[in-house]
N, C-alpha and C. Protein backbone atom coordinates (compact mmCIF):
# COMPACT_ATOMS: atom_id res chain seq x y z
N MET A 1 9.06 26.67 -19.58
CA MET A 1 10.18 26.19 -20.36
C MET A 1 11.08 25.35 -19.46
N LYS A 2 11.27 24.11 -19.83
CA LYS A 2 12.11 23.22 -19.05
C LYS A 2 13.56 23.29 -19.53
N THR A 3 14.47 23.23 -18.57
CA THR A 3 15.88 23.21 -18.89
C THR A 3 16.39 21.78 -18.77
N ILE A 4 17.05 21.32 -19.78
CA ILE A 4 17.62 19.97 -19.75
C ILE A 4 19.07 20.08 -19.28
N ILE A 5 19.37 19.35 -18.22
CA ILE A 5 20.71 19.39 -17.64
C ILE A 5 21.45 18.12 -18.02
N ASN A 6 22.61 18.28 -18.59
CA ASN A 6 23.49 17.15 -18.88
C ASN A 6 24.32 16.90 -17.63
N TYR A 7 23.92 15.90 -16.84
CA TYR A 7 24.53 15.67 -15.54
C TYR A 7 25.99 15.22 -15.65
N LYS A 8 26.31 14.42 -16.65
CA LYS A 8 27.69 13.97 -16.82
C LYS A 8 28.60 15.17 -17.10
N LYS A 9 28.15 16.06 -17.97
CA LYS A 9 28.93 17.24 -18.30
C LYS A 9 29.05 18.18 -17.10
N ALA A 10 27.98 18.32 -16.34
CA ALA A 10 28.00 19.18 -15.15
C ALA A 10 28.96 18.64 -14.10
N ILE A 11 28.95 17.33 -13.87
CA ILE A 11 29.86 16.73 -12.90
C ILE A 11 31.30 16.85 -13.37
N LEU A 12 31.53 16.61 -14.66
CA LEU A 12 32.89 16.72 -15.21
C LEU A 12 33.43 18.14 -15.03
N TRP A 13 32.64 19.15 -15.37
CA TRP A 13 33.08 20.53 -15.23
C TRP A 13 33.24 20.91 -13.76
N GLY A 14 32.41 20.36 -12.90
CA GLY A 14 32.57 20.60 -11.46
C GLY A 14 33.90 20.08 -10.96
N ILE A 15 34.29 18.89 -11.42
CA ILE A 15 35.58 18.32 -11.03
C ILE A 15 36.72 19.16 -11.58
N VAL A 16 36.62 19.58 -12.83
CA VAL A 16 37.67 20.41 -13.44
C VAL A 16 37.85 21.72 -12.68
N VAL A 17 36.74 22.38 -12.36
CA VAL A 17 36.80 23.64 -11.63
C VAL A 17 37.36 23.43 -10.23
N TYR A 18 37.00 22.32 -9.59
CA TYR A 18 37.53 22.01 -8.25
C TYR A 18 39.04 21.82 -8.29
N VAL A 19 39.54 21.12 -9.29
CA VAL A 19 40.99 20.90 -9.41
C VAL A 19 41.71 22.23 -9.65
N ILE A 20 41.17 23.05 -10.54
CA ILE A 20 41.79 24.35 -10.81
C ILE A 20 41.77 25.22 -9.56
N ASP A 21 40.65 25.23 -8.84
CA ASP A 21 40.55 25.99 -7.60
C ASP A 21 41.56 25.49 -6.57
N SER A 22 41.72 24.19 -6.46
CA SER A 22 42.67 23.63 -5.50
C SER A 22 44.10 24.04 -5.84
N ILE A 23 44.44 24.01 -7.11
CA ILE A 23 45.79 24.40 -7.52
C ILE A 23 46.05 25.86 -7.18
N PHE A 24 45.13 26.75 -7.54
CA PHE A 24 45.33 28.17 -7.26
C PHE A 24 45.31 28.48 -5.77
N SER A 25 44.45 27.79 -5.02
CA SER A 25 44.42 28.00 -3.57
C SER A 25 45.73 27.58 -2.94
N ASN A 26 46.26 26.43 -3.35
CA ASN A 26 47.53 25.97 -2.80
C ASN A 26 48.67 26.90 -3.20
N LEU A 27 48.66 27.40 -4.41
CA LEU A 27 49.70 28.35 -4.81
C LEU A 27 49.62 29.63 -4.00
N LEU A 28 48.39 30.06 -3.70
CA LEU A 28 48.22 31.27 -2.91
C LEU A 28 48.79 31.09 -1.51
N TYR A 29 48.49 29.97 -0.87
CA TYR A 29 48.95 29.77 0.50
C TYR A 29 50.41 29.36 0.58
N MET A 30 51.02 28.97 -0.53
CA MET A 30 52.46 28.68 -0.54
C MET A 30 53.25 29.95 -0.81
N ASN A 31 52.58 31.04 -1.14
CA ASN A 31 53.23 32.31 -1.40
C ASN A 31 53.86 32.82 -0.10
N PRO A 32 55.14 33.21 -0.10
CA PRO A 32 55.79 33.67 1.14
C PRO A 32 55.13 34.90 1.75
N LEU A 33 54.61 35.81 0.94
CA LEU A 33 53.95 37.01 1.45
C LEU A 33 52.68 36.62 2.22
N VAL A 34 51.86 35.76 1.64
CA VAL A 34 50.63 35.33 2.30
C VAL A 34 50.96 34.52 3.55
N SER A 35 51.99 33.68 3.46
CA SER A 35 52.40 32.89 4.62
C SER A 35 52.85 33.80 5.76
N GLY A 36 53.56 34.88 5.44
CA GLY A 36 54.00 35.83 6.46
C GLY A 36 52.83 36.54 7.13
N ILE A 37 51.84 36.92 6.33
CA ILE A 37 50.65 37.58 6.89
C ILE A 37 49.89 36.60 7.78
N PHE A 38 49.77 35.34 7.33
CA PHE A 38 49.07 34.34 8.12
C PHE A 38 49.79 34.11 9.45
N ASN A 39 51.11 34.01 9.41
CA ASN A 39 51.89 33.81 10.64
C ASN A 39 51.78 35.02 11.58
N GLN A 40 51.69 36.22 11.01
CA GLN A 40 51.59 37.44 11.81
C GLN A 40 50.31 37.46 12.65
N TYR A 41 49.22 36.96 12.07
CA TYR A 41 47.93 37.01 12.76
C TYR A 41 47.50 35.64 13.32
N SER A 42 48.40 34.68 13.38
CA SER A 42 48.02 33.33 13.81
C SER A 42 47.55 33.29 15.26
N GLY A 43 47.97 34.21 16.11
CA GLY A 43 47.53 34.22 17.50
C GLY A 43 46.28 35.04 17.75
N HIS A 44 45.75 35.69 16.73
CA HIS A 44 44.57 36.53 16.88
C HIS A 44 43.35 35.68 17.21
N PRO A 45 42.45 36.16 18.07
CA PRO A 45 41.27 35.36 18.45
C PRO A 45 40.36 34.98 17.28
N SER A 46 40.37 35.76 16.21
CA SER A 46 39.50 35.43 15.08
C SER A 46 40.08 34.29 14.23
N MET A 47 41.35 33.98 14.40
CA MET A 47 41.99 32.89 13.65
C MET A 47 41.84 31.60 14.46
N LYS A 48 40.80 30.86 14.17
CA LYS A 48 40.52 29.65 14.93
C LYS A 48 40.99 28.42 14.15
N PRO A 49 41.60 27.47 14.83
CA PRO A 49 41.98 26.23 14.14
C PRO A 49 40.74 25.39 13.81
N ILE A 50 40.89 24.48 12.89
CA ILE A 50 39.77 23.64 12.47
C ILE A 50 39.27 22.79 13.64
N GLU A 51 40.13 22.48 14.59
CA GLU A 51 39.71 21.68 15.74
C GLU A 51 38.63 22.39 16.55
N THR A 52 38.57 23.72 16.47
CA THR A 52 37.53 24.48 17.17
C THR A 52 36.14 24.08 16.68
N PHE A 53 36.05 23.71 15.42
CA PHE A 53 34.76 23.33 14.82
C PHE A 53 34.53 21.82 14.89
N ARG A 54 35.33 21.12 15.67
CA ARG A 54 35.27 19.66 15.84
C ARG A 54 35.54 18.92 14.55
N GLY A 55 36.51 19.40 13.76
CA GLY A 55 36.95 18.66 12.57
C GLY A 55 36.68 19.38 11.26
N LEU A 56 37.32 18.86 10.23
CA LEU A 56 37.23 19.45 8.90
C LEU A 56 35.82 19.33 8.32
N ALA A 57 35.15 18.22 8.58
CA ALA A 57 33.80 18.02 8.03
C ALA A 57 32.84 19.09 8.54
N ASN A 58 32.88 19.40 9.81
CA ASN A 58 31.99 20.44 10.37
C ASN A 58 32.35 21.80 9.81
N TRP A 59 33.64 22.08 9.66
CA TRP A 59 34.07 23.37 9.11
C TRP A 59 33.58 23.53 7.67
N LEU A 60 33.73 22.47 6.87
CA LEU A 60 33.25 22.53 5.49
C LEU A 60 31.74 22.71 5.43
N LEU A 61 31.02 22.02 6.30
CA LEU A 61 29.57 22.15 6.34
C LEU A 61 29.16 23.58 6.68
N LEU A 62 29.81 24.18 7.68
CA LEU A 62 29.49 25.56 8.06
C LEU A 62 29.79 26.54 6.94
N THR A 63 30.93 26.38 6.27
CA THR A 63 31.27 27.30 5.19
C THR A 63 30.31 27.14 4.01
N MET A 64 29.90 25.90 3.72
CA MET A 64 28.95 25.69 2.63
C MET A 64 27.59 26.28 2.96
N LEU A 65 27.15 26.09 4.19
CA LEU A 65 25.86 26.66 4.60
C LEU A 65 25.88 28.18 4.57
N PHE A 66 26.97 28.77 5.05
CA PHE A 66 27.07 30.22 5.03
C PHE A 66 27.15 30.74 3.60
N GLY A 67 27.88 30.05 2.74
CA GLY A 67 27.95 30.45 1.33
C GLY A 67 26.58 30.37 0.67
N THR A 68 25.83 29.32 0.97
CA THR A 68 24.47 29.19 0.44
C THR A 68 23.59 30.32 0.95
N PHE A 69 23.75 30.66 2.22
CA PHE A 69 22.99 31.77 2.79
C PHE A 69 23.31 33.07 2.07
N LEU A 70 24.60 33.32 1.83
CA LEU A 70 24.99 34.55 1.14
C LEU A 70 24.45 34.61 -0.28
N ILE A 71 24.50 33.49 -0.97
CA ILE A 71 23.99 33.46 -2.34
C ILE A 71 22.48 33.69 -2.35
N ASN A 72 21.79 33.05 -1.43
CA ASN A 72 20.33 33.19 -1.40
C ASN A 72 19.89 34.58 -0.99
N THR A 73 20.67 35.29 -0.20
CA THR A 73 20.29 36.63 0.18
C THR A 73 20.86 37.68 -0.77
N ARG A 74 21.52 37.21 -1.80
CA ARG A 74 22.07 38.07 -2.86
C ARG A 74 23.08 39.09 -2.35
N LEU A 75 23.86 38.68 -1.35
CA LEU A 75 24.90 39.57 -0.85
C LEU A 75 26.17 39.49 -1.68
N LEU A 76 26.26 38.49 -2.55
CA LEU A 76 27.47 38.32 -3.36
C LEU A 76 27.46 39.17 -4.62
N LYS A 77 26.35 39.81 -4.92
CA LYS A 77 26.29 40.61 -6.15
C LYS A 77 26.93 41.96 -5.97
């Protein structure tokens, strides 16, 4: 059984979900409680700046690859 994918609709919904995710993520990090927790642990060795990964593009690539790994190994269920 073949599945027909409407690519225009898939891309449109991907953009909509990305915008909604961006809004909620920004609201979360603008929250004073979350900002206080982030500042409290900013010197911890596990809190690495993006420059550690040689830029935002490398950081995004690593997070996407790790997310794909988690999905493929079914650890997210």
